[in-house]
Amino acid sequence: MTEQTASPSLLQALATRRMLICVLTGLSSGLPLYVLINLLPAWLRTEGLSLKAIGALTLIQFPYTWKFLWAPLADRFAVPGLGRRRGWMLVTHIGLVASIAAFGAFSPQADLGWVVATAAAVALLSATLDIALDAFRRELLHEEELGLGNAVHVNAYKVAGLVPGSLALILSEWLPWWQVFAITSAFMLPGIAMCLLVSEPPRSLQAPPNLRAACVEPFREFVGRAGWSGAALVLAFIFLYKLGDSLCTALATPFYLDMGFSRAEIGAIAKNAGLWPSVLGGFAGGLWMVKLGINRALWLFGVVQMLSIVGFAGLAWLGPAAATPERLAVLAGVIGFEALGVGLGTAAFVAFIARATNPAYTATQYALFTSLAAVPRTFINAGAGWLVENLGWVTFYMLCTGLAVPGMLLLFKVAPWNEHARGAEPAQATR
């Protein structure tokens, strides 16, 4: 009888209002980041900026790495009339609609300072939105829904990349850039509707008694639970596990352009070939983790994630050439395999972060872990253009493969193969 009801239970779990909300939180969270890492570099490259300048601009993503510093503010203070989660979500949504559209008012050559300032505003608003969305989702979902809800959120996050990474690039072949950015910003409007229609989660109604408690207790609890050495190992693992993959995709769109592919081809083939295997990997990873457990999933999925980077080195070794059907097929295969590895690795990685987070300190601890995970994308990736220009694309991608090794080695300590690690035990005492 259990086997007969397993499938309907999964379908019933997916067909809930909470899962629909997770779809919308994923779309709203992912779109601004993909504007910064996909659409903005393509725009700047077509306007004549160098790879060094484009790579250096990744530094404007610093709010993603430092958002834990102001996460306690989102925990402590509420927007009057809307609450802590809904208020911060609505304000940042509105700001992102305006700031993404504002890119179209500038010329990268003549107004680079304004472009940088606008990109920094998008990053700051997006990072703050992530704080509110992560806390809202953690407090909204029941304990048994956390795995599925996060899988839905992550996959919607990836689907959001279709707008700036595919649709916008295709539109840019026929429309002026100001219209492209205006259309892209409009895809944040469903998130605004969500903020107005949902209710504040009951668990978010009780704020910390003061700002000091909101700032200090989340960090004290994490160190007290894991110990100083254990906490350091966990933080090092979060930093290193996706380092190679993050650097690998830092200049993906300029790489495709340098290999001879047009923006339309990148939008129609490369982005879609990367999206759906990644989504499949995310869902498959979530299902396999039920049997494998998080620890073994981190091992197995991490190996696939690491090996998939090698395909980019092979494509770079072939060099620039005309985009024949065969070459487009090779591109789709390389990107698809890498995306599958990323989807699997991300599913396990997000589950690990969720397990390491104490629900009693949702916003700040979650922001701390995701901030650290974003450090490679923000600071390490800033040197990607310099590395490519000095090493070449082939050596660059082999370096990315090697950088995935340290994170795998840390699994011996933070997620041993035969150990079923437990989550934040103190969370049980707080309920």
Protein backbone atom coordinates (compact mmCIF):
# COMPACT_ATOMS: atom_id res chain seq x y z
CA MET A 1 0.00 0.00 0.00
CA THR A 2 2.90 2.37 0.73
CA GLU A 3 4.33 1.99 -2.78
CA GLN A 4 0.94 2.67 -4.34
CA THR A 5 0.51 5.95 -2.48
CA ALA A 6 4.06 7.27 -2.91
CA SER A 7 3.51 8.82 -6.34
CA PRO A 8 0.17 10.50 -5.53
CA SER A 9 1.73 11.90 -2.35
CA LEU A 10 4.45 13.58 -4.41
CA LEU A 11 1.92 15.02 -6.84
CA GLN A 12 -0.21 16.28 -3.99
CA ALA A 13 2.82 17.86 -2.37
CA LEU A 14 3.68 19.67 -5.60
CA ALA A 15 0.12 20.87 -6.24
CA THR A 16 -0.10 23.23 -3.27
CA ARG A 17 -0.23 26.97 -2.87
CA ARG A 18 3.06 26.90 -0.98
CA MET A 19 4.84 25.24 -3.93
CA LEU A 20 3.42 27.88 -6.29
CA ILE A 21 4.82 30.55 -3.97
CA CYS A 22 8.21 28.78 -4.16
CA VAL A 23 8.04 29.04 -7.95
CA LEU A 24 7.48 32.80 -7.70
CA THR A 25 10.21 33.29 -5.08
CA GLY A 26 12.64 31.44 -7.34
CA LEU A 27 11.77 33.53 -10.39
CA SER A 28 12.12 36.80 -8.47
CA SER A 29 15.36 35.76 -6.84
CA GLY A 30 17.04 34.50 -9.99
CA LEU A 31 16.20 37.15 -12.57
CA PRO A 32 18.26 40.08 -11.15
CA LEU A 33 21.35 37.92 -10.72
CA TYR A 34 21.13 36.60 -14.27
CA VAL A 35 20.80 40.18 -15.49
CA LEU A 36 24.17 40.87 -13.87
CA ILE A 37 26.00 37.71 -14.93
CA ASN A 38 24.47 37.11 -18.39
CA LEU A 39 22.75 40.14 -19.90
CA LEU A 40 25.06 42.86 -18.59
CA PRO A 41 28.30 41.21 -19.86
CA ALA A 42 26.73 40.56 -23.29
CA TRP A 43 25.61 44.19 -23.53
CA LEU A 44 29.01 45.52 -22.47
CA ARG A 45 30.91 43.18 -24.81
CA THR A 46 28.82 44.17 -27.82
CA GLU A 47 29.41 47.83 -26.91
CA GLY A 48 33.18 47.32 -27.11
CA LEU A 49 34.32 46.88 -23.49
CA SER A 50 37.34 44.64 -22.83
CA LEU A 51 37.22 41.29 -21.04
CA LYS A 52 39.27 42.78 -18.19
CA ALA A 53 36.72 45.54 -17.67
CA ILE A 54 33.79 43.11 -17.85
CA GLY A 55 35.48 40.71 -15.43
CA ALA A 56 36.27 43.53 -13.00
CA LEU A 57 32.62 44.58 -13.04
CA THR A 58 31.73 41.36 -11.23
CA LEU A 59 33.00 43.17 -8.13
CA ILE A 60 29.75 45.12 -8.05
CA GLN A 61 28.11 41.87 -6.91
CA PHE A 62 29.71 42.35 -3.47
CA PRO A 63 26.31 42.73 -1.71
CA TYR A 64 25.69 39.01 -2.29
CA THR A 65 28.77 38.23 -0.20
CA TRP A 66 28.09 40.75 2.59
CA LYS A 67 24.33 40.51 2.94
CA PHE A 68 24.64 38.74 6.30
CA LEU A 69 25.80 42.09 7.73
CA TRP A 70 22.40 43.72 7.24
CA ALA A 71 20.29 40.53 7.43
CA PRO A 72 19.67 41.24 11.15
CA LEU A 73 17.94 44.48 10.12
CA ALA A 74 15.50 42.45 8.02
CA ASP A 75 14.96 40.19 11.03
CA ARG A 76 14.46 43.00 13.52
CA PHE A 77 12.51 45.67 11.61
CA ALA A 78 9.31 45.54 9.57
CA VAL A 79 7.82 47.78 6.91
CA PRO A 80 4.71 49.33 8.51
CA GLY A 81 1.52 47.68 7.38
CA LEU A 82 3.25 44.83 5.54
CA GLY A 83 5.34 42.93 8.07
CA ARG A 84 8.97 41.84 8.15
CA ARG A 85 9.05 39.44 5.20
CA ARG A 86 6.38 40.88 2.89
CA GLY A 87 7.52 44.45 3.52
CA TRP A 88 11.15 43.89 2.57
CA MET A 89 10.08 41.73 -0.36
CA LEU A 90 7.76 44.38 -1.81
CA VAL A 91 10.13 47.32 -1.41
CA THR A 92 13.04 45.50 -3.06
CA HIS A 93 10.86 44.18 -5.89
CA ILE A 94 9.78 47.72 -6.78
CA GLY A 95 13.37 48.96 -6.62
CA LEU A 96 14.54 46.18 -8.94
CA VAL A 97 11.91 46.93 -11.57
CA ALA A 98 13.11 50.54 -11.69
CA SER A 99 16.86 49.83 -11.56
CA ILE A 100 16.91 47.07 -14.20
CA ALA A 101 14.96 49.27 -16.59
CA ALA A 102 17.38 52.14 -15.86
CA PHE A 103 20.26 50.35 -17.65
CA GLY A 104 18.63 51.29 -20.94
CA ALA A 105 19.12 55.00 -20.25
CA PHE A 106 22.92 54.77 -20.46
CA SER A 107 25.69 54.12 -22.96
CA PRO A 108 28.51 51.87 -21.63
CA GLN A 109 31.16 53.92 -23.42
CA ALA A 110 29.91 57.36 -22.40
CA ASP A 111 28.19 56.58 -19.06
CA LEU A 112 30.21 53.72 -17.60
CA GLY A 113 30.09 55.25 -14.12
CA TRP A 114 26.30 55.31 -14.18
CA VAL A 115 26.23 51.73 -15.50
CA VAL A 116 28.41 50.61 -12.59
CA ALA A 117 26.25 52.51 -10.07
CA THR A 118 23.07 51.00 -11.49
CA ALA A 119 24.58 47.51 -11.44
CA ALA A 120 25.59 48.04 -7.79
CA ALA A 121 22.01 49.11 -6.98
CA VAL A 122 20.62 45.99 -8.66
CA ALA A 123 23.04 43.82 -6.68
CA LEU A 124 22.20 45.52 -3.36
CA LEU A 125 18.44 45.28 -3.91
CA SER A 126 18.69 41.71 -5.18
CA ALA A 127 20.78 40.56 -2.21
CA THR A 128 18.32 42.18 0.21
CA LEU A 129 15.42 40.54 -1.62
CA ASP A 130 17.18 37.18 -1.25
CA ILE A 131 17.40 37.69 2.53
CA ALA A 132 13.66 38.25 2.76
CA LEU A 133 12.73 35.49 0.28
CA ASP A 134 14.93 32.86 1.95
CA ALA A 135 13.54 33.65 5.38
CA PHE A 136 9.97 33.81 4.07
CA ARG A 137 10.31 30.44 2.34
CA ARG A 138 11.94 28.79 5.37
CA GLU A 139 9.16 30.02 7.64
CA LEU A 140 6.36 29.27 5.16
CA LEU A 141 7.16 25.62 4.45
CA HIS A 142 6.41 22.76 6.81
CA GLU A 143 9.42 20.72 7.93
CA GLU A 144 8.56 17.83 5.60
CA GLU A 145 8.27 20.25 2.65
CA LEU A 146 11.70 21.85 2.95
CA GLY A 147 13.47 19.56 0.50
CA LEU A 148 10.80 19.73 -2.18
CA GLY A 149 10.13 23.42 -1.68
CA ASN A 150 13.80 24.32 -2.02
CA ALA A 151 14.08 22.14 -5.14
CA VAL A 152 11.13 23.98 -6.69
CA HIS A 153 12.64 27.34 -5.73
CA VAL A 154 16.08 26.49 -7.13
CA ASN A 155 14.67 25.22 -10.41
CA ALA A 156 12.44 28.28 -10.82
CA TYR A 157 15.56 30.34 -10.07
CA LYS A 158 17.26 28.66 -13.03
CA VAL A 159 14.24 29.06 -15.30
CA ALA A 160 14.39 32.80 -14.55
CA GLY A 161 17.72 32.81 -16.37
CA LEU A 162 15.83 32.30 -19.64
CA VAL A 163 14.68 35.92 -19.56
CA PRO A 164 18.02 37.81 -19.40
CA GLY A 165 20.07 34.90 -20.76
CA SER A 166 17.93 33.88 -23.72
CA LEU A 167 14.89 36.02 -24.46
CA ALA A 168 16.68 39.32 -23.89
CA LEU A 169 19.66 38.29 -26.03
CA ILE A 170 17.38 37.28 -28.89
CA LEU A 171 15.38 40.51 -28.62
CA SER A 172 18.61 42.53 -28.66
CA GLU A 173 19.15 41.48 -32.28
CA TRP A 174 16.06 43.47 -33.33
CA LEU A 175 15.24 45.92 -30.52
CA PRO A 176 17.24 48.79 -28.99
CA TRP A 177 18.83 47.98 -25.65
CA TRP A 178 16.55 50.32 -23.68
CA GLN A 179 13.52 48.29 -24.77
CA VAL A 180 15.31 45.04 -23.94
CA PHE A 181 15.99 46.18 -20.36
CA ALA A 182 12.43 47.51 -19.96
CA ILE A 183 10.95 44.17 -21.04
CA THR A 184 13.34 42.29 -18.77
CA SER A 185 12.40 44.40 -15.75
CA ALA A 186 8.70 43.70 -16.34
CA PHE A 187 9.26 40.05 -15.43
CA MET A 188 9.63 41.16 -11.80
CA LEU A 189 5.97 42.24 -11.71
CA PRO A 190 4.56 38.76 -10.82
CA GLY A 191 6.74 38.90 -7.72
CA ILE A 192 5.11 42.18 -6.72
CA ALA A 193 1.69 40.57 -7.10
CA MET A 194 2.84 37.68 -4.90
CA CYS A 195 3.95 40.10 -2.16
CA LEU A 196 0.52 41.72 -2.14
CA LEU A 197 -1.46 38.45 -2.14
CA VAL A 198 0.42 36.26 0.37
CA SER A 199 0.15 36.45 4.14
CA GLU A 200 2.98 36.89 6.59
CA PRO A 201 4.11 33.44 7.88
CA PRO A 202 3.08 32.93 11.51
CA ARG A 203 6.67 32.14 12.53
CA SER A 204 7.81 35.56 11.29
CA LEU A 205 5.43 37.53 13.47
CA GLN A 206 7.71 37.42 16.51
CA ALA A 207 10.79 39.57 15.89
CA PRO A 208 13.98 39.47 18.01
CA PRO A 209 13.58 41.63 21.12
CA ASN A 210 16.35 44.02 20.05
CA LEU A 211 18.95 44.57 17.36
CA ARG A 212 21.74 43.12 19.48
CA ALA A 213 19.91 39.81 19.79
CA ALA A 214 19.25 39.78 16.04
CA CYS A 215 22.97 40.34 15.33
CA VAL A 216 24.73 38.21 17.94
CA GLU A 217 22.62 35.14 18.71
CA PRO A 218 22.64 33.54 15.22
CA PHE A 219 26.46 33.50 15.14
CA ARG A 220 26.77 32.40 18.77
CA GLU A 221 24.39 29.50 18.18
CA PHE A 222 26.25 28.33 15.05
CA VAL A 223 29.68 28.35 16.71
CA GLY A 224 28.31 26.82 19.90
CA ARG A 225 26.68 23.99 17.96
CA ALA A 226 29.62 23.11 15.71
CA GLY A 227 32.60 24.36 17.74
CA TRP A 228 35.17 26.76 16.33
CA SER A 229 36.99 24.15 14.25
CA GLY A 230 33.76 22.56 13.02
CA ALA A 231 32.31 25.94 12.11
CA ALA A 232 35.48 26.86 10.21
CA LEU A 233 35.36 23.60 8.23
CA VAL A 234 31.71 24.11 7.31
CA LEU A 235 32.36 27.67 6.18
CA ALA A 236 35.43 26.60 4.18
CA PHE A 237 33.41 23.89 2.47
CA ILE A 238 30.60 26.31 1.56
CA PHE A 239 33.21 28.63 0.03
CA LEU A 240 35.07 25.94 -1.93
CA TYR A 241 32.49 23.38 -3.09
CA LYS A 242 31.32 25.39 -6.11
CA LEU A 243 34.43 27.50 -6.62
CA GLY A 244 35.52 25.78 -9.85
CA ASP A 245 32.05 25.80 -11.34
CA SER A 246 31.49 29.44 -10.43
CA LEU A 247 34.73 30.57 -12.07
CA CYS A 248 33.97 28.37 -15.09
CA THR A 249 30.77 30.28 -15.87
CA ALA A 250 32.07 33.77 -14.99
CA LEU A 251 32.69 34.72 -18.63
CA ALA A 252 30.45 32.17 -20.31
CA THR A 253 28.70 34.58 -22.67
CA PRO A 254 31.93 36.34 -23.80
CA PHE A 255 33.45 32.86 -24.29
CA TYR A 256 30.62 31.82 -26.59
CA LEU A 257 30.99 35.06 -28.52
CA ASP A 258 34.74 34.55 -28.86
CA MET A 259 34.14 31.03 -30.15
CA GLY A 260 32.20 32.49 -33.08
CA PHE A 261 28.58 32.13 -31.95
CA SER A 262 26.09 34.97 -32.44
CA ARG A 263 23.93 36.39 -29.66
CA ALA A 264 20.84 34.79 -31.23
CA GLU A 265 22.55 31.38 -31.33
CA ILE A 266 23.65 31.77 -27.73
CA GLY A 267 20.11 32.72 -26.71
CA ALA A 268 18.36 30.00 -28.69
CA ILE A 269 20.77 27.08 -28.18
CA ALA A 270 23.39 27.60 -25.49
CA LYS A 271 21.07 28.95 -22.79
CA ASN A 272 18.33 26.40 -23.37
CA ALA A 273 20.82 23.53 -23.61
CA GLY A 274 22.09 24.61 -20.21
CA LEU A 275 18.74 25.25 -18.56
CA TRP A 276 16.80 22.04 -18.95
CA PRO A 277 19.59 19.60 -18.00
CA SER A 278 20.19 21.80 -14.96
CA VAL A 279 16.50 21.66 -14.01
CA LEU A 280 16.48 17.91 -14.60
CA GLY A 281 19.60 17.56 -12.49
CA GLY A 282 17.99 19.58 -9.70
CA PHE A 283 14.84 17.45 -9.56
CA ALA A 284 16.72 14.18 -10.03
CA GLY A 285 19.19 15.20 -7.35
CA GLY A 286 16.37 15.94 -4.95
CA LEU A 287 14.79 12.54 -5.55
CA TRP A 288 18.08 10.63 -5.38
CA MET A 289 18.97 12.31 -2.09
CA VAL A 290 16.00 10.56 -0.51
CA LYS A 291 17.86 7.26 -0.96
CA LEU A 292 21.46 8.44 -1.00
CA GLY A 293 21.33 10.95 1.81
CA ILE A 294 22.87 14.41 1.64
CA ASN A 295 26.43 13.27 2.38
CA ARG A 296 26.71 10.71 -0.39
CA ALA A 297 24.93 13.03 -2.80
CA LEU A 298 27.56 15.69 -2.16
CA TRP A 299 30.26 13.17 -3.09
CA LEU A 300 28.66 11.72 -6.21
CA PHE A 301 27.15 14.92 -7.57
CA GLY A 302 30.33 16.84 -6.81
CA VAL A 303 32.38 14.48 -9.00
CA VAL A 304 29.97 14.94 -11.91
CA GLN A 305 30.02 18.71 -11.39
CA MET A 306 33.83 18.76 -11.45
CA LEU A 307 34.30 16.54 -14.51
CA SER A 308 31.70 18.42 -16.54
CA ILE A 309 33.94 21.53 -16.61
CA VAL A 310 36.45 19.65 -18.79
CA GLY A 311 34.06 19.86 -21.73
CA PHE A 312 34.57 23.62 -21.93
CA ALA A 313 38.31 23.11 -22.20
CA GLY A 314 37.65 20.78 -25.14
CA LEU A 315 35.43 23.33 -26.86
CA ALA A 316 38.07 26.01 -26.32
CA TRP A 317 40.72 23.64 -27.74
CA LEU A 318 38.66 23.39 -30.98
CA GLY A 319 38.89 27.19 -31.20
CA PRO A 320 36.72 29.76 -32.99
CA ALA A 321 34.94 28.52 -36.10
CA ALA A 322 31.76 28.94 -38.10
CA ALA A 323 28.65 27.83 -36.23
CA THR A 324 27.83 24.71 -38.27
CA PRO A 325 25.06 22.34 -37.12
CA GLU A 326 27.72 19.91 -35.89
CA ARG A 327 29.48 22.61 -33.92
CA LEU A 328 26.21 23.81 -32.41
CA ALA A 329 25.51 20.22 -31.36
CA VAL A 330 28.91 20.02 -29.66
CA LEU A 331 28.21 23.30 -27.87
CA ALA A 332 24.81 22.06 -26.71
CA GLY A 333 26.32 18.79 -25.46
CA VAL A 334 29.13 20.45 -23.53
CA ILE A 335 26.82 22.99 -21.90
CA GLY A 336 24.15 20.38 -21.23
CA PHE A 337 26.53 18.05 -19.39
CA GLU A 338 27.98 20.89 -17.35
CA ALA A 339 24.48 22.09 -16.49
CA LEU A 340 23.43 18.59 -15.43
CA GLY A 341 26.42 18.43 -13.10
CA VAL A 342 25.63 21.87 -11.71
CA GLY A 343 21.99 20.91 -11.18
CA LEU A 344 22.95 17.81 -9.24
CA GLY A 345 25.64 19.61 -7.25
CA THR A 346 23.38 22.54 -6.40
CA ALA A 347 20.59 20.26 -5.17
CA ALA A 348 22.95 18.64 -2.67
CA PHE A 349 24.65 21.92 -1.79
CA VAL A 350 21.39 23.75 -1.00
CA ALA A 351 20.26 20.79 1.08
CA PHE A 352 23.53 20.94 3.03
CA ILE A 353 23.05 24.67 3.70
CA ALA A 354 19.47 24.10 4.84
CA ARG A 355 20.65 21.34 7.16
CA ALA A 356 23.30 23.62 8.65
CA THR A 357 20.75 26.38 9.35
CA ASN A 358 18.91 26.61 12.63
CA PRO A 359 15.27 27.58 11.96
CA ALA A 360 15.36 29.77 15.05
CA TYR A 361 17.74 32.17 13.27
CA THR A 362 16.56 31.83 9.69
CA ALA A 363 17.41 35.08 7.96
CA THR A 364 20.86 35.76 9.41
CA GLN A 365 22.30 32.24 9.32
CA TYR A 366 20.94 31.54 5.85
CA ALA A 367 22.32 34.89 4.69
CA LEU A 368 25.72 34.07 6.20
CA PHE A 369 25.99 30.75 4.37
CA THR A 370 24.70 32.00 1.02
CA SER A 371 26.89 35.11 1.30
CA LEU A 372 29.96 32.93 1.69
CA ALA A 373 28.87 30.78 -1.25
CA ALA A 374 28.66 33.95 -3.37
CA VAL A 375 32.23 35.08 -2.59
CA PRO A 376 33.80 33.18 -5.52
CA ARG A 377 31.24 34.60 -7.95
CA THR A 378 31.94 38.14 -6.76
CA PHE A 379 35.62 38.41 -5.91
CA ILE A 380 37.40 35.40 -7.41
CA ASN A 381 35.53 35.77 -10.69
CA ALA A 382 36.66 39.40 -10.96
CA GLY A 383 40.04 38.09 -12.11
CA ALA A 384 38.55 35.75 -14.71
CA GLY A 385 39.21 38.16 -17.57
CA TRP A 386 42.84 38.62 -16.50
CA LEU A 387 43.28 34.83 -16.26
CA VAL A 388 41.84 34.25 -19.72
CA GLU A 389 43.96 36.94 -21.34
CA ASN A 390 47.13 35.54 -19.73
CA LEU A 391 46.41 31.80 -19.84
CA GLY A 392 44.03 31.36 -22.76
CA TRP A 393 40.63 29.67 -22.65
CA VAL A 394 41.92 26.06 -22.56
CA THR A 395 44.23 26.50 -19.56
CA PHE A 396 41.64 28.65 -17.83
CA TYR A 397 39.04 25.88 -17.92
CA MET A 398 41.55 23.25 -16.77
CA LEU A 399 42.35 25.56 -13.84
CA CYS A 400 38.63 25.72 -13.04
CA THR A 401 38.54 21.92 -12.94
CA GLY A 402 41.45 21.84 -10.50
CA LEU A 403 39.83 24.42 -8.22
CA ALA A 404 36.93 22.03 -7.63
CA VAL A 405 39.24 19.52 -5.88
CA PRO A 406 39.73 21.25 -2.46
CA GLY A 407 35.99 21.38 -1.83
CA MET A 408 35.71 17.67 -2.58
CA LEU A 409 38.53 16.89 -0.15
CA LEU A 410 36.72 18.73 2.65
CA LEU A 411 33.88 16.22 2.34
CA PHE A 412 36.00 13.79 4.37
CA LYS A 413 35.42 16.11 7.35
CA VAL A 414 32.08 17.85 6.82
CA ALA A 415 30.11 15.05 5.11
CA PRO A 416 31.75 11.61 5.48
CA TRP A 417 30.42 8.99 3.07
CA ASN A 418 29.11 6.58 5.72
CA GLU A 419 27.89 9.16 8.22
CA HIS A 420 24.33 10.45 8.28
CA ALA A 421 24.90 13.93 9.68
CA ARG A 422 22.12 15.55 11.64
CA GLY A 423 20.82 19.04 11.23
CA ALA A 424 20.73 21.84 13.74
CA GLU A 425 19.70 20.04 16.88
CA PRO A 426 19.10 23.20 18.89
CA ALA A 427 16.25 24.03 16.54
CA GLN A 428 14.24 21.27 18.15
CA ALA A 429 14.65 22.86 21.56
CA THR A 430 13.39 26.20 20.41
CA ARG A 431 9.98 24.96 19.43
